[in-house]
Amino acid sequence: MHNKSYSNQRKTDSPIESSIENLSRAIFTVNRHAKTAPDPKFLYTLKRKALEKLITEGKATKKGLHFSRNPKNSRQQSDVLVLAGEYYFHLPPSKEDFTELPHLGELNDHYRNPKANMSLSVAKSLLQRYTNFQPTDGQKNHPKRQYQKPVFKKLGESYL
């Protein structure tokens, strides 16, 4: 019937290939999930390590600096715009970035990265394999807490 396998289909027998397209899709997926994760530190570290490795290998390029959308302490701050495959990402800048890269000004609201159909678990395993970076004990998934029923006191009683 069909002998062609598609990159967004699950392969149960072999891990997904570490191509620039798959790596950039995995970084996009990890970044999207990190924005809403209760503890995003590991995901952002994984994204940063993967992008830094792609840059050192020449598979990603730093394009310039953008003003940060959410600056710390309400002070103006810049982020490095990185192109990996057909995806753009932001990273915190180094001191050299300010002297070597052009400043592109405000973020362009009209550009959107392409959609990526990759699960977080596949993206994490691909990036962990690529960067050889594993979570430490403090970064592993925390076990779900047991549900506790709410306690309702009579009107006027203290909750303490």
N, C-alpha and C. Protein backbone atom coordinates (compact mmCIF):
# COMPACT_ATOMS: atom_id res chain seq x y z
N MET A 1 0.83 -1.18 0.00
CA MET A 1 0.00 0.00 0.00
C MET A 1 0.89 1.25 0.00
N HIS A 2 1.03 1.96 1.14
CA HIS A 2 1.89 3.13 1.22
C HIS A 2 3.18 2.74 1.91
N ASN A 3 4.31 3.01 1.27
CA ASN A 3 5.60 2.71 1.86
C ASN A 3 6.26 3.94 2.44
N LYS A 4 5.70 5.11 2.22
CA LYS A 4 6.29 6.35 2.69
C LYS A 4 5.88 6.60 4.14
N SER A 5 6.84 6.92 4.99
CA SER A 5 6.50 7.27 6.36
C SER A 5 6.64 8.78 6.51
N TYR A 6 5.75 9.38 7.24
CA TYR A 6 5.73 10.81 7.42
C TYR A 6 6.39 11.16 8.74
N SER A 7 7.02 12.34 8.78
CA SER A 7 7.80 12.72 9.96
C SER A 7 6.93 12.99 11.18
N ASN A 8 5.64 13.29 11.00
CA ASN A 8 4.81 13.56 12.16
C ASN A 8 4.07 12.33 12.66
N GLN A 9 4.30 11.17 12.03
CA GLN A 9 3.71 9.94 12.51
C GLN A 9 4.62 9.33 13.56
N ARG A 10 4.03 8.65 14.54
CA ARG A 10 4.82 8.02 15.58
C ARG A 10 5.52 6.79 15.06
N LYS A 11 6.79 6.69 15.40
CA LYS A 11 7.55 5.50 15.07
C LYS A 11 7.83 4.78 16.38
N THR A 12 7.35 3.59 16.51
CA THR A 12 7.53 2.88 17.77
C THR A 12 8.83 2.11 17.80
N ASP A 13 9.40 1.79 16.64
CA ASP A 13 10.60 0.96 16.61
C ASP A 13 11.89 1.76 16.69
N SER A 14 11.91 3.00 16.20
CA SER A 14 13.15 3.77 16.23
C SER A 14 12.86 5.20 16.66
N PRO A 15 13.84 5.83 17.33
CA PRO A 15 13.63 7.23 17.74
C PRO A 15 13.63 8.16 16.54
N ILE A 16 13.04 9.32 16.72
CA ILE A 16 12.91 10.29 15.64
C ILE A 16 14.30 10.83 15.26
N GLU A 17 14.50 11.08 13.99
CA GLU A 17 15.79 11.52 13.45
C GLU A 17 16.13 12.93 13.94
N SER A 18 17.42 13.19 14.19
CA SER A 18 17.88 14.49 14.69
C SER A 18 18.19 15.45 13.54
N SER A 19 17.24 15.64 12.64
CA SER A 19 17.43 16.60 11.55
C SER A 19 17.14 18.01 12.08
N ILE A 20 17.57 19.02 11.35
CA ILE A 20 17.33 20.41 11.76
C ILE A 20 15.83 20.69 11.83
N GLU A 21 15.05 20.10 10.93
CA GLU A 21 13.60 20.31 10.94
C GLU A 21 12.98 19.72 12.21
N ASN A 22 13.36 18.49 12.54
CA ASN A 22 12.81 17.85 13.73
C ASN A 22 13.29 18.52 15.01
N LEU A 23 14.55 18.94 15.04
CA LEU A 23 15.08 19.62 16.23
C LEU A 23 14.39 20.96 16.44
N SER A 24 14.19 21.72 15.37
CA SER A 24 13.53 23.03 15.51
C SER A 24 12.06 22.85 15.91
N ARG A 25 11.40 21.83 15.38
CA ARG A 25 10.02 21.54 15.79
C ARG A 25 9.97 21.14 17.27
N ALA A 26 10.97 20.37 17.71
CA ALA A 26 11.03 19.94 19.11
C ALA A 26 11.27 21.14 20.03
N ILE A 27 12.15 22.05 19.63
CA ILE A 27 12.41 23.25 20.43
C ILE A 27 11.14 24.10 20.50
N PHE A 28 10.44 24.23 19.38
CA PHE A 28 9.19 25.00 19.36
C PHE A 28 8.17 24.38 20.33
N THR A 29 8.04 23.05 20.30
CA THR A 29 7.09 22.35 21.17
C THR A 29 7.45 22.54 22.64
N VAL A 30 8.72 22.37 22.97
CA VAL A 30 9.18 22.54 24.36
C VAL A 30 8.95 23.98 24.81
N ASN A 31 9.26 24.95 23.96
CA ASN A 31 9.08 26.36 24.29
C ASN A 31 7.60 26.69 24.53
N ARG A 32 6.73 26.16 23.68
CA ARG A 32 5.29 26.42 23.83
C ARG A 32 4.76 25.85 25.15
N HIS A 33 5.21 24.65 25.51
CA HIS A 33 4.76 24.05 26.76
C HIS A 33 5.38 24.73 27.98
N ALA A 34 6.60 25.24 27.84
CA ALA A 34 7.27 25.90 28.96
C ALA A 34 6.53 27.17 29.38
N LYS A 35 5.89 27.82 28.42
CA LYS A 35 5.20 29.07 28.73
C LYS A 35 4.03 28.87 29.68
N THR A 36 3.47 27.67 29.73
CA THR A 36 2.32 27.40 30.61
C THR A 36 2.64 26.37 31.69
N ALA A 37 3.87 25.89 31.75
CA ALA A 37 4.23 24.85 32.72
C ALA A 37 4.33 25.45 34.12
N PRO A 38 3.95 24.67 35.14
CA PRO A 38 4.06 25.17 36.52
C PRO A 38 5.52 25.35 36.94
N ASP A 39 6.44 24.53 36.41
CA ASP A 39 7.87 24.67 36.70
C ASP A 39 8.64 24.56 35.39
N PRO A 40 8.78 25.69 34.67
CA PRO A 40 9.34 25.64 33.31
C PRO A 40 10.86 25.63 33.23
N LYS A 41 11.55 25.65 34.36
CA LYS A 41 13.01 25.83 34.36
C LYS A 41 13.72 24.78 33.50
N PHE A 42 13.37 23.51 33.67
CA PHE A 42 14.02 22.46 32.90
C PHE A 42 13.76 22.61 31.41
N LEU A 43 12.52 22.93 31.04
CA LEU A 43 12.18 23.07 29.62
C LEU A 43 12.93 24.23 28.97
N TYR A 44 13.02 25.37 29.68
CA TYR A 44 13.76 26.50 29.13
C TYR A 44 15.26 26.20 29.04
N THR A 45 15.80 25.46 30.01
CA THR A 45 17.22 25.08 29.95
C THR A 45 17.48 24.15 28.78
N LEU A 46 16.55 23.21 28.56
CA LEU A 46 16.67 22.29 27.43
C LEU A 46 16.63 23.05 26.11
N LYS A 47 15.73 24.02 25.99
CA LYS A 47 15.63 24.86 24.79
C LYS A 47 16.93 25.61 24.56
N ARG A 48 17.45 26.24 25.63
CA ARG A 48 18.68 27.03 25.51
C ARG A 48 19.86 26.17 25.10
N LYS A 49 20.02 25.00 25.74
CA LYS A 49 21.15 24.12 25.41
C LYS A 49 21.06 23.62 23.96
N ALA A 50 19.85 23.28 23.51
CA ALA A 50 19.68 22.80 22.13
C ALA A 50 20.00 23.91 21.13
N LEU A 51 19.51 25.13 21.38
CA LEU A 51 19.79 26.23 20.46
C LEU A 51 21.28 26.58 20.45
N GLU A 52 21.91 26.58 21.62
CA GLU A 52 23.34 26.88 21.68
C GLU A 52 24.15 25.84 20.91
N LYS A 53 23.75 24.56 21.01
CA LYS A 53 24.47 23.52 20.28
C LYS A 53 24.25 23.68 18.77
N LEU A 54 23.02 24.00 18.36
CA LEU A 54 22.75 24.23 16.94
C LEU A 54 23.56 25.41 16.41
N ILE A 55 23.71 26.46 17.22
CA ILE A 55 24.48 27.63 16.80
C ILE A 55 25.95 27.26 16.65
N THR A 56 26.50 26.52 17.62
CA THR A 56 27.92 26.16 17.53
C THR A 56 28.20 25.21 16.37
N GLU A 57 27.21 24.40 16.00
CA GLU A 57 27.37 23.50 14.86
C GLU A 57 27.09 24.19 13.52
N GLY A 58 26.65 25.44 13.57
CA GLY A 58 26.35 26.18 12.35
C GLY A 58 25.00 25.83 11.75
N LYS A 59 24.14 25.16 12.48
CA LYS A 59 22.81 24.78 11.98
C LYS A 59 21.75 25.82 12.31
N ALA A 60 22.08 26.78 13.18
CA ALA A 60 21.19 27.88 13.53
C ALA A 60 22.02 29.16 13.53
N THR A 61 21.36 30.28 13.26
CA THR A 61 22.09 31.55 13.22
C THR A 61 21.41 32.59 14.09
N LYS A 62 22.23 33.45 14.69
CA LYS A 62 21.72 34.59 15.45
C LYS A 62 21.46 35.70 14.44
N LYS A 63 20.24 36.20 14.41
CA LYS A 63 19.85 37.21 13.42
C LYS A 63 19.99 38.64 13.93
N GLY A 64 19.77 38.84 15.22
CA GLY A 64 19.83 40.20 15.77
C GLY A 64 19.20 40.24 17.14
N LEU A 65 18.99 41.46 17.63
CA LEU A 65 18.40 41.68 18.95
C LEU A 65 17.02 42.29 18.81
N HIS A 66 16.12 41.87 19.67
CA HIS A 66 14.76 42.44 19.75
C HIS A 66 14.56 42.98 21.15
N PHE A 67 13.74 44.02 21.27
CA PHE A 67 13.33 44.45 22.59
C PHE A 67 12.45 43.36 23.19
N SER A 68 12.67 43.06 24.45
CA SER A 68 11.91 42.01 25.12
C SER A 68 10.47 42.44 25.34
N ARG A 69 9.56 41.50 25.16
CA ARG A 69 8.15 41.79 25.36
C ARG A 69 7.82 41.90 26.85
N ASN A 70 8.52 41.12 27.68
CA ASN A 70 8.29 41.12 29.13
C ASN A 70 9.61 41.38 29.86
N PRO A 71 10.04 42.65 29.91
CA PRO A 71 11.33 42.94 30.55
C PRO A 71 11.27 42.76 32.06
N LYS A 72 12.41 42.35 32.64
CA LYS A 72 12.49 42.20 34.09
C LYS A 72 12.57 43.57 34.73
N ASN A 73 11.95 43.70 35.87
CA ASN A 73 11.99 44.94 36.66
C ASN A 73 11.55 46.17 35.86
N SER A 74 10.70 45.99 34.87
CA SER A 74 10.14 47.07 34.04
C SER A 74 11.22 47.90 33.37
N ARG A 75 12.40 47.33 33.18
CA ARG A 75 13.48 48.03 32.48
C ARG A 75 13.58 47.46 31.07
N GLN A 76 14.04 48.31 30.14
CA GLN A 76 14.15 47.84 28.77
C GLN A 76 15.20 46.74 28.68
N GLN A 77 14.87 45.69 27.96
CA GLN A 77 15.74 44.53 27.86
C GLN A 77 15.66 43.98 26.45
N SER A 78 16.74 43.37 25.98
CA SER A 78 16.77 42.81 24.64
C SER A 78 16.98 41.31 24.68
N ASP A 79 16.46 40.62 23.66
CA ASP A 79 16.64 39.18 23.49
C ASP A 79 17.27 38.94 22.12
N VAL A 80 18.02 37.83 22.02
CA VAL A 80 18.65 37.46 20.75
C VAL A 80 17.64 36.67 19.92
N LEU A 81 17.46 37.07 18.68
CA LEU A 81 16.59 36.35 17.74
C LEU A 81 17.43 35.30 17.03
N VAL A 82 17.02 34.02 17.14
CA VAL A 82 17.77 32.90 16.56
C VAL A 82 16.88 32.21 15.52
N LEU A 83 17.46 31.94 14.33
CA LEU A 83 16.75 31.21 13.29
C LEU A 83 17.29 29.78 13.24
N ALA A 84 16.40 28.81 13.47
CA ALA A 84 16.76 27.39 13.39
C ALA A 84 15.73 26.73 12.47
N GLY A 85 16.18 26.23 11.33
CA GLY A 85 15.24 25.67 10.36
C GLY A 85 14.34 26.78 9.86
N GLU A 86 13.02 26.59 9.99
CA GLU A 86 12.09 27.66 9.60
C GLU A 86 11.41 28.28 10.82
N TYR A 87 12.03 28.11 11.99
CA TYR A 87 11.48 28.63 13.24
C TYR A 87 12.40 29.71 13.82
N TYR A 88 11.78 30.72 14.43
CA TYR A 88 12.52 31.78 15.13
C TYR A 88 12.30 31.61 16.62
N PHE A 89 13.38 31.82 17.39
CA PHE A 89 13.32 31.71 18.84
C PHE A 89 14.06 32.89 19.46
N HIS A 90 13.78 33.14 20.74
CA HIS A 90 14.50 34.17 21.48
C HIS A 90 15.31 33.52 22.59
N LEU A 91 16.51 34.05 22.80
CA LEU A 91 17.40 33.61 23.87
C LEU A 91 17.89 34.85 24.62
N PRO A 92 18.27 34.68 25.89
CA PRO A 92 18.91 35.81 26.58
C PRO A 92 20.25 36.13 25.90
N PRO A 93 20.59 37.41 25.80
CA PRO A 93 21.83 37.78 25.09
C PRO A 93 23.07 37.65 25.98
N SER A 94 24.20 37.45 25.32
CA SER A 94 25.49 37.52 26.02
C SER A 94 26.04 38.93 25.79
N LYS A 95 27.12 39.28 26.48
CA LYS A 95 27.70 40.62 26.31
C LYS A 95 28.19 40.82 24.88
N GLU A 96 28.72 39.76 24.27
CA GLU A 96 29.22 39.86 22.90
C GLU A 96 28.10 40.14 21.90
N ASP A 97 26.90 39.62 22.19
CA ASP A 97 25.78 39.80 21.27
C ASP A 97 25.45 41.28 21.07
N PHE A 98 25.62 42.09 22.11
CA PHE A 98 25.29 43.51 21.99
C PHE A 98 26.25 44.24 21.05
N THR A 99 27.49 43.76 20.95
CA THR A 99 28.45 44.42 20.06
C THR A 99 28.46 43.81 18.67
N GLU A 100 28.11 42.51 18.56
CA GLU A 100 28.22 41.82 17.28
C GLU A 100 26.93 41.80 16.45
N LEU A 101 25.77 41.90 17.10
CA LEU A 101 24.50 41.75 16.38
C LEU A 101 23.79 43.08 16.19
N PRO A 102 23.09 43.25 15.06
CA PRO A 102 22.31 44.48 14.87
C PRO A 102 21.05 44.45 15.73
N HIS A 103 20.60 45.63 16.15
CA HIS A 103 19.36 45.70 16.92
C HIS A 103 18.20 45.89 15.95
N LEU A 104 17.23 44.97 16.02
CA LEU A 104 16.11 44.97 15.08
C LEU A 104 14.91 45.75 15.58
N GLY A 105 14.99 46.29 16.80
CA GLY A 105 13.90 47.09 17.34
C GLY A 105 12.80 46.25 17.96
N GLU A 106 11.56 46.66 17.71
CA GLU A 106 10.40 45.98 18.30
C GLU A 106 10.14 44.64 17.61
N LEU A 107 9.47 43.76 18.34
CA LEU A 107 9.08 42.46 17.82
C LEU A 107 8.02 42.63 16.73
N ASN A 108 8.11 41.84 15.67
CA ASN A 108 7.14 41.89 14.59
C ASN A 108 5.94 41.00 14.95
N ASP A 109 4.79 41.62 15.17
CA ASP A 109 3.60 40.85 15.55
C ASP A 109 2.96 40.12 14.38
N HIS A 110 3.38 40.39 13.16
CA HIS A 110 2.76 39.78 11.99
C HIS A 110 3.35 38.42 11.65
N TYR A 111 4.54 38.12 12.17
CA TYR A 111 5.17 36.83 11.86
C TYR A 111 4.81 35.80 12.94
N ARG A 112 4.46 34.59 12.51
CA ARG A 112 4.20 33.48 13.41
C ARG A 112 5.00 32.28 12.94
N ASN A 113 5.55 31.53 13.88
CA ASN A 113 6.24 30.29 13.54
C ASN A 113 5.22 29.30 12.98
N PRO A 114 5.66 28.39 12.09
CA PRO A 114 4.73 27.37 11.59
C PRO A 114 4.25 26.45 12.72
N LYS A 115 3.09 25.85 12.52
CA LYS A 115 2.57 24.91 13.52
C LYS A 115 3.46 23.67 13.56
N ALA A 116 3.58 23.10 14.75
CA ALA A 116 4.39 21.89 14.91
C ALA A 116 3.53 20.83 15.58
N ASN A 117 3.39 19.68 14.93
CA ASN A 117 2.63 18.57 15.50
C ASN A 117 3.60 17.56 16.09
N MET A 118 4.00 17.81 17.33
CA MET A 118 4.91 16.92 18.02
C MET A 118 4.53 16.93 19.49
N SER A 119 4.48 15.76 20.09
CA SER A 119 4.12 15.71 21.50
C SER A 119 5.30 16.18 22.35
N LEU A 120 4.99 16.65 23.55
CA LEU A 120 6.04 17.13 24.45
C LEU A 120 7.01 16.02 24.81
N SER A 121 6.52 14.82 25.03
CA SER A 121 7.42 13.72 25.42
C SER A 121 8.40 13.37 24.30
N VAL A 122 7.93 13.37 23.05
CA VAL A 122 8.80 13.10 21.90
C VAL A 122 9.82 14.24 21.76
N ALA A 123 9.36 15.47 21.90
CA ALA A 123 10.24 16.63 21.77
C ALA A 123 11.31 16.62 22.85
N LYS A 124 10.90 16.34 24.09
CA LYS A 124 11.87 16.30 25.18
C LYS A 124 12.90 15.20 24.98
N SER A 125 12.46 14.02 24.59
CA SER A 125 13.41 12.91 24.42
C SER A 125 14.39 13.20 23.27
N LEU A 126 13.90 13.80 22.19
CA LEU A 126 14.77 14.15 21.07
C LEU A 126 15.83 15.17 21.49
N LEU A 127 15.40 16.22 22.19
CA LEU A 127 16.33 17.26 22.62
C LEU A 127 17.28 16.76 23.70
N GLN A 128 16.81 15.90 24.58
CA GLN A 128 17.68 15.34 25.61
C GLN A 128 18.75 14.46 24.98
N ARG A 129 18.37 13.70 23.98
CA ARG A 129 19.33 12.86 23.27
C ARG A 129 20.34 13.73 22.51
N TYR A 130 19.86 14.79 21.88
CA TYR A 130 20.71 15.67 21.09
C TYR A 130 21.69 16.45 21.96
N THR A 131 21.22 16.98 23.09
CA THR A 131 22.07 17.81 23.96
C THR A 131 22.81 16.99 25.01
N ASN A 132 22.38 15.75 25.20
CA ASN A 132 22.91 14.89 26.26
C ASN A 132 22.68 15.54 27.63
N PHE A 133 21.54 16.19 27.79
CA PHE A 133 21.18 16.89 29.02
C PHE A 133 19.98 16.19 29.65
N GLN A 134 20.16 15.74 30.88
CA GLN A 134 19.11 15.03 31.60
C GLN A 134 18.67 15.86 32.80
N PRO A 135 17.42 15.73 33.22
CA PRO A 135 16.98 16.49 34.40
C PRO A 135 17.65 15.96 35.66
N THR A 136 17.96 16.88 36.57
CA THR A 136 18.47 16.46 37.88
C THR A 136 17.28 16.05 38.73
N ASP A 137 17.54 15.57 39.92
CA ASP A 137 16.45 15.08 40.78
C ASP A 137 15.41 16.16 41.06
N GLY A 138 15.85 17.40 41.22
CA GLY A 138 14.92 18.49 41.49
C GLY A 138 14.08 18.87 40.28
N GLN A 139 14.49 18.44 39.07
CA GLN A 139 13.79 18.83 37.85
C GLN A 139 12.90 17.72 37.31
N LYS A 140 12.91 16.55 37.93
CA LYS A 140 12.07 15.46 37.44
C LYS A 140 10.61 15.76 37.72
N ASN A 141 9.76 15.06 37.01
CA ASN A 141 8.33 15.28 37.19
C ASN A 141 7.93 14.99 38.63
N HIS A 142 7.21 15.91 39.21
CA HIS A 142 6.76 15.73 40.58
C HIS A 142 5.53 14.84 40.58
N PRO A 143 5.42 13.93 41.58
CA PRO A 143 4.24 13.09 41.62
C PRO A 143 2.99 13.93 41.89
N LYS A 144 1.89 13.50 41.30
CA LYS A 144 0.65 14.26 41.48
C LYS A 144 0.21 14.16 42.93
N ARG A 145 -0.29 15.26 43.44
CA ARG A 145 -0.77 15.28 44.81
C ARG A 145 -2.12 14.59 44.89
N GLN A 146 -2.34 13.95 46.02
CA GLN A 146 -3.62 13.32 46.28
C GLN A 146 -4.68 14.41 46.44
N TYR A 147 -5.83 14.21 45.85
CA TYR A 147 -6.90 15.19 45.94
C TYR A 147 -7.43 15.23 47.36
N GLN A 148 -7.56 16.44 47.91
CA GLN A 148 -8.15 16.60 49.23
C GLN A 148 -9.46 17.35 49.09
N LYS A 149 -10.46 16.81 49.72
CA LYS A 149 -11.76 17.48 49.67
C LYS A 149 -11.68 18.79 50.44
N PRO A 150 -12.37 19.81 49.96
CA PRO A 150 -12.37 21.07 50.71
C PRO A 150 -13.15 20.93 52.02
N VAL A 151 -12.70 21.66 53.02
CA VAL A 151 -13.36 21.63 54.32
C VAL A 151 -14.17 22.90 54.45
N PHE A 152 -15.45 22.73 54.72
CA PHE A 152 -16.32 23.89 54.89
C PHE A 152 -16.69 24.03 56.36
N LYS A 153 -16.45 25.22 56.89
CA LYS A 153 -16.79 25.51 58.28
C LYS A 153 -18.14 26.22 58.33
N LYS A 154 -18.77 26.13 59.49
CA LYS A 154 -20.02 26.86 59.67
C LYS A 154 -19.74 28.35 59.69
N LEU A 155 -20.71 29.12 59.33
CA LEU A 155 -20.57 30.57 59.28
C LEU A 155 -20.09 31.09 60.63
N GLY A 156 -19.00 31.82 60.64
CA GLY A 156 -18.47 32.40 61.87
C GLY A 156 -17.33 31.59 62.47
N GLU A 157 -17.14 30.31 62.07
CA GLU A 157 -16.04 29.51 62.61
C GLU A 157 -14.75 29.86 61.89
N SER A 158 -13.63 29.70 62.58
CA SER A 158 -12.32 30.04 62.03
C SER A 158 -11.76 28.86 61.25
N TYR A 159 -10.99 29.16 60.20
CA TYR A 159 -10.33 28.12 59.41
C TYR A 159 -8.97 27.76 59.99
N LEU A 160 -8.54 28.44 61.02
CA LEU A 160 -7.21 28.20 61.58
C LEU A 160 -7.18 27.11 62.58
